[in-house]
Protein backbone atom coordinates (compact mmCIF):
# COMPACT_ATOMS: atom_id res chain seq x y z
CA UNK A 1 -44.02 -42.88 -18.19
CA UNK A 2 -43.04 -41.59 -14.72
CA UNK A 3 -39.86 -43.70 -14.77
CA UNK A 4 -38.99 -42.32 -18.22
CA UNK A 5 -39.40 -38.70 -16.98
CA UNK A 6 -37.20 -39.35 -13.90
CA UNK A 7 -34.42 -40.87 -16.04
CA UNK A 8 -34.68 -37.94 -18.45
CA UNK A 9 -34.46 -35.46 -15.51
CA UNK A 10 -31.45 -37.32 -14.10
CA UNK A 11 -29.74 -37.15 -17.51
CA UNK A 12 -30.41 -33.41 -17.76
CA UNK A 13 -29.11 -32.77 -14.23
CA UNK A 14 -26.01 -34.88 -14.94
CA UNK A 15 -25.38 -32.96 -18.18
CA UNK A 16 -25.67 -29.63 -16.34
CA UNK A 17 -23.27 -30.79 -13.60
CA UNK A 18 -20.74 -32.08 -16.14
CA UNK A 19 -20.96 -28.84 -18.13
CA UNK A 20 -20.44 -26.76 -14.99
CA UNK A 21 -17.49 -28.92 -13.95
CA UNK A 22 -15.97 -28.61 -17.42
CA UNK A 23 -16.20 -24.81 -17.41
CA UNK A 24 -14.91 -24.48 -13.84
CA UNK A 25 -11.76 -26.35 -14.86
CA UNK A 26 -11.25 -24.07 -17.85
CA UNK A 27 -8.84 -21.15 -18.07
CA UNK A 28 -9.46 -18.06 -16.01
CA UNK A 29 -9.78 -14.73 -17.80
CA UNK A 30 -6.27 -13.83 -16.62
CA UNK A 31 -4.85 -17.00 -18.17
CA UNK A 32 -6.78 -16.31 -21.37
CA UNK A 33 -5.24 -12.80 -21.55
CA UNK A 34 -1.77 -14.28 -21.13
CA UNK A 35 -2.46 -16.85 -23.83
CA UNK A 36 -3.75 -14.06 -26.08
CA UNK A 37 -0.33 -12.42 -25.91
CA UNK A 38 -0.62 -10.08 -22.93
CA UNK A 39 2.31 -10.74 -20.63
CA UNK A 40 1.98 -10.87 -16.85
CA UNK A 41 4.34 -8.43 -15.15
CA UNK A 42 5.29 -8.00 -11.50
CA UNK A 43 2.14 -7.55 -9.40
CA UNK A 44 2.84 -4.22 -7.67
CA UNK A 45 -0.63 -3.84 -6.03
CA UNK A 46 -0.35 -7.31 -4.44
CA UNK A 47 3.18 -6.58 -3.18
CA UNK A 48 2.07 -3.33 -1.56
CA UNK A 49 -1.02 -4.93 -0.04
CA UNK A 50 1.31 -7.38 1.74
CA UNK A 51 3.51 -4.47 2.87
CA UNK A 52 0.45 -2.54 4.08
CA UNK A 53 -0.81 -5.54 6.04
CA UNK A 54 2.65 -6.15 7.53
CA UNK A 55 3.20 -2.51 8.49
CA UNK A 56 -0.28 -2.25 10.00
CA UNK A 57 0.47 -5.29 12.16
CA UNK A 58 3.96 -4.08 13.18
CA UNK A 59 2.85 -0.45 13.68
CA UNK A 60 6.41 0.93 13.49
CA UNK A 61 7.39 4.42 14.53
CA UNK A 62 8.88 6.32 11.58
CA UNK A 63 10.54 9.64 10.87
CA UNK A 64 8.22 11.35 8.41
CA UNK A 65 9.19 14.45 6.47
CA UNK A 66 6.64 16.48 4.53
CA UNK A 67 7.76 19.30 2.26
CA UNK A 68 5.43 21.66 0.39
CA UNK A 69 7.28 24.09 -1.85
CA UNK A 70 9.78 25.68 0.60
CA UNK A 71 8.16 24.60 3.88
CA UNK A 72 9.38 21.38 5.48
CA UNK A 73 8.45 19.54 8.67
CA UNK A 74 9.79 16.30 10.18
CA UNK A 75 8.09 14.30 12.93
CA UNK A 76 8.56 10.94 14.60
CA UNK A 77 5.18 9.19 14.52
CA UNK A 78 3.14 6.06 13.91
CA UNK A 79 1.11 5.93 10.70
CA UNK A 80 -2.60 5.43 11.39
CA UNK A 81 -3.57 4.17 7.93
CA UNK A 82 -0.88 2.49 5.82
CA UNK A 83 -3.44 1.91 3.06
CA UNK A 84 -3.68 5.67 2.55
CA UNK A 85 0.03 6.27 3.16
CA UNK A 86 1.15 3.86 0.42
CA UNK A 87 -1.80 4.37 -1.95
CA UNK A 88 0.35 6.08 -4.61
CA UNK A 89 2.47 2.93 -4.84
CA UNK A 90 -0.42 0.49 -4.73
CA UNK A 91 -2.20 2.32 -7.57
CA UNK A 92 0.59 1.39 -10.02
CA UNK A 93 -0.46 -1.70 -11.98
CA UNK A 94 1.83 -2.84 -14.79
CA UNK A 95 -0.85 -5.29 -15.93
CA UNK A 96 -3.44 -2.66 -16.88
CA UNK A 97 -4.88 -3.36 -20.33
CA UNK A 98 -3.93 0.20 -21.38
CA UNK A 99 -0.24 -0.73 -21.09
CA UNK A 100 -0.51 -3.91 -23.19
CA UNK A 101 1.95 -3.82 -26.06
CA UNK A 102 3.73 -0.69 -24.78
CA UNK A 103 6.00 -2.21 -22.13
CA UNK A 104 9.67 -2.91 -22.83
CA UNK A 105 11.35 -5.14 -20.25
CA UNK A 106 15.10 -5.19 -19.55
CA UNK A 107 16.32 -7.53 -16.84
CA UNK A 108 19.57 -8.54 -15.18
CA UNK A 109 20.11 -10.88 -12.26
CA UNK A 110 18.79 -8.42 -9.70
CA UNK A 111 17.12 -5.59 -11.65
CA UNK A 112 13.98 -5.48 -13.79
CA UNK A 113 13.29 -2.29 -15.72
CA UNK A 114 9.93 -1.65 -17.35
CA UNK A 115 10.03 1.18 -19.91
CA UNK A 116 6.87 2.44 -21.58
CA UNK A 117 7.08 3.09 -25.32
CA UNK A 118 3.92 5.17 -25.64
CA UNK A 119 4.50 8.75 -24.40
CA UNK A 120 0.72 9.19 -23.95
CA UNK A 121 0.78 6.74 -21.02
CA UNK A 122 1.19 8.01 -17.45
CA UNK A 123 4.11 5.71 -16.60
CA UNK A 124 7.61 6.37 -17.94
CA UNK A 125 9.74 3.83 -16.10
CA UNK A 126 9.47 1.30 -13.28
CA UNK A 127 12.60 -0.29 -11.81
CA UNK A 128 12.48 -3.22 -9.42
CA UNK A 129 15.58 -4.40 -7.57
CA UNK A 130 15.48 -7.91 -6.19
CA UNK A 131 17.52 -9.36 -3.35
CA UNK A 132 19.48 -12.63 -3.62
CA UNK A 133 16.39 -14.60 -2.60
CA UNK A 134 14.39 -13.09 -5.47
CA UNK A 135 12.26 -10.85 -3.23
CA UNK A 136 11.59 -7.20 -3.97
CA UNK A 137 14.17 -5.03 -2.23
CA UNK A 138 13.46 -1.67 -3.86
CA UNK A 139 11.11 -0.17 -6.43
CA UNK A 140 11.25 3.20 -8.18
CA UNK A 141 8.49 4.62 -10.35
CA UNK A 142 8.47 7.58 -12.72
CA UNK A 143 5.09 8.98 -13.77
CA UNK A 144 4.09 11.93 -15.88
CA UNK A 145 0.67 13.22 -16.84
CA UNK A 146 0.26 16.07 -19.32
CA UNK A 147 -2.69 17.88 -20.77
CA UNK A 148 -3.43 21.39 -21.96
CA UNK A 149 -4.00 22.70 -18.41
CA UNK A 150 -1.23 21.06 -16.38
CA UNK A 151 1.79 18.79 -16.22
CA UNK A 152 2.41 16.52 -13.25
CA UNK A 153 5.60 14.55 -12.66
CA UNK A 154 5.83 11.99 -9.88
CA UNK A 155 8.81 10.05 -8.59
CA UNK A 156 8.18 7.26 -6.10
CA UNK A 157 10.75 5.07 -4.33
CA UNK A 158 10.16 2.31 -1.80
CA UNK A 159 13.02 0.42 -0.20
CA UNK A 160 11.73 -2.39 1.97
CA UNK A 161 12.42 -1.89 5.70
CA UNK A 162 14.32 1.35 5.01
CA UNK A 163 12.30 4.24 3.52
CA UNK A 164 9.65 5.43 1.08
CA UNK A 165 9.51 8.63 -0.94
CA UNK A 166 6.78 10.34 -2.95
CA UNK A 167 7.93 13.42 -4.81
CA UNK A 168 5.57 15.42 -7.01
CA UNK A 169 5.99 18.46 -9.25
CA UNK A 170 2.89 20.04 -10.73
CA UNK A 171 2.74 22.94 -13.14
CA UNK A 172 -0.71 24.41 -13.65
CA UNK A 173 -0.99 27.03 -16.40
CA UNK A 174 -2.98 29.61 -14.46
CA UNK A 175 -1.80 28.85 -10.91
CA UNK A 176 1.93 28.17 -11.37
CA UNK A 177 4.13 25.43 -9.95
CA UNK A 178 3.65 23.24 -6.88
CA UNK A 179 6.15 20.85 -5.33
CA UNK A 180 5.70 18.38 -2.55
CA UNK A 181 7.65 15.54 -1.03
CA UNK A 182 6.71 12.94 1.55
CA UNK A 183 9.43 10.73 2.95
CA UNK A 184 9.18 8.12 5.65
CA UNK A 185 12.19 6.41 7.23
CA UNK A 186 11.71 3.18 9.16
């Protein structure tokens, strides 16, 4: 009887191991989404994480201009936290489930343009220019958020090893308009 129980336990353990191995070799949830019809677009957050890591390691001195309405100031400085500095770019994720089915892609040899067909979405257009090696050279992003209290328009541009720009217009019903621009030149 003891031998029978040990063989039975071994069979159960083997079945559990085989089942676990079978499921671990299965499709990831990302692959399942792609198979279900959701396309995989350029991974902007991953690109900017690499840029953030690279810039943090290089610690370059940049010319940074900040403009708020009519006041403008330019300084030569080193950025302490690139994660914060480029957070507006890294927050853009073309693969959000909310965008599924609303992205129109136009591409040429060196330019990919993502247009958003639902005006309720925050993104209007994302353009990515690639170099001859197929690496991102420049990205521009147009965002707009509207509701009954305010309208915010954002324009972001990042050109690798050259500059970045965050430009924002905000119109708040009770408080009026605000404009700001942050530009860094490498």
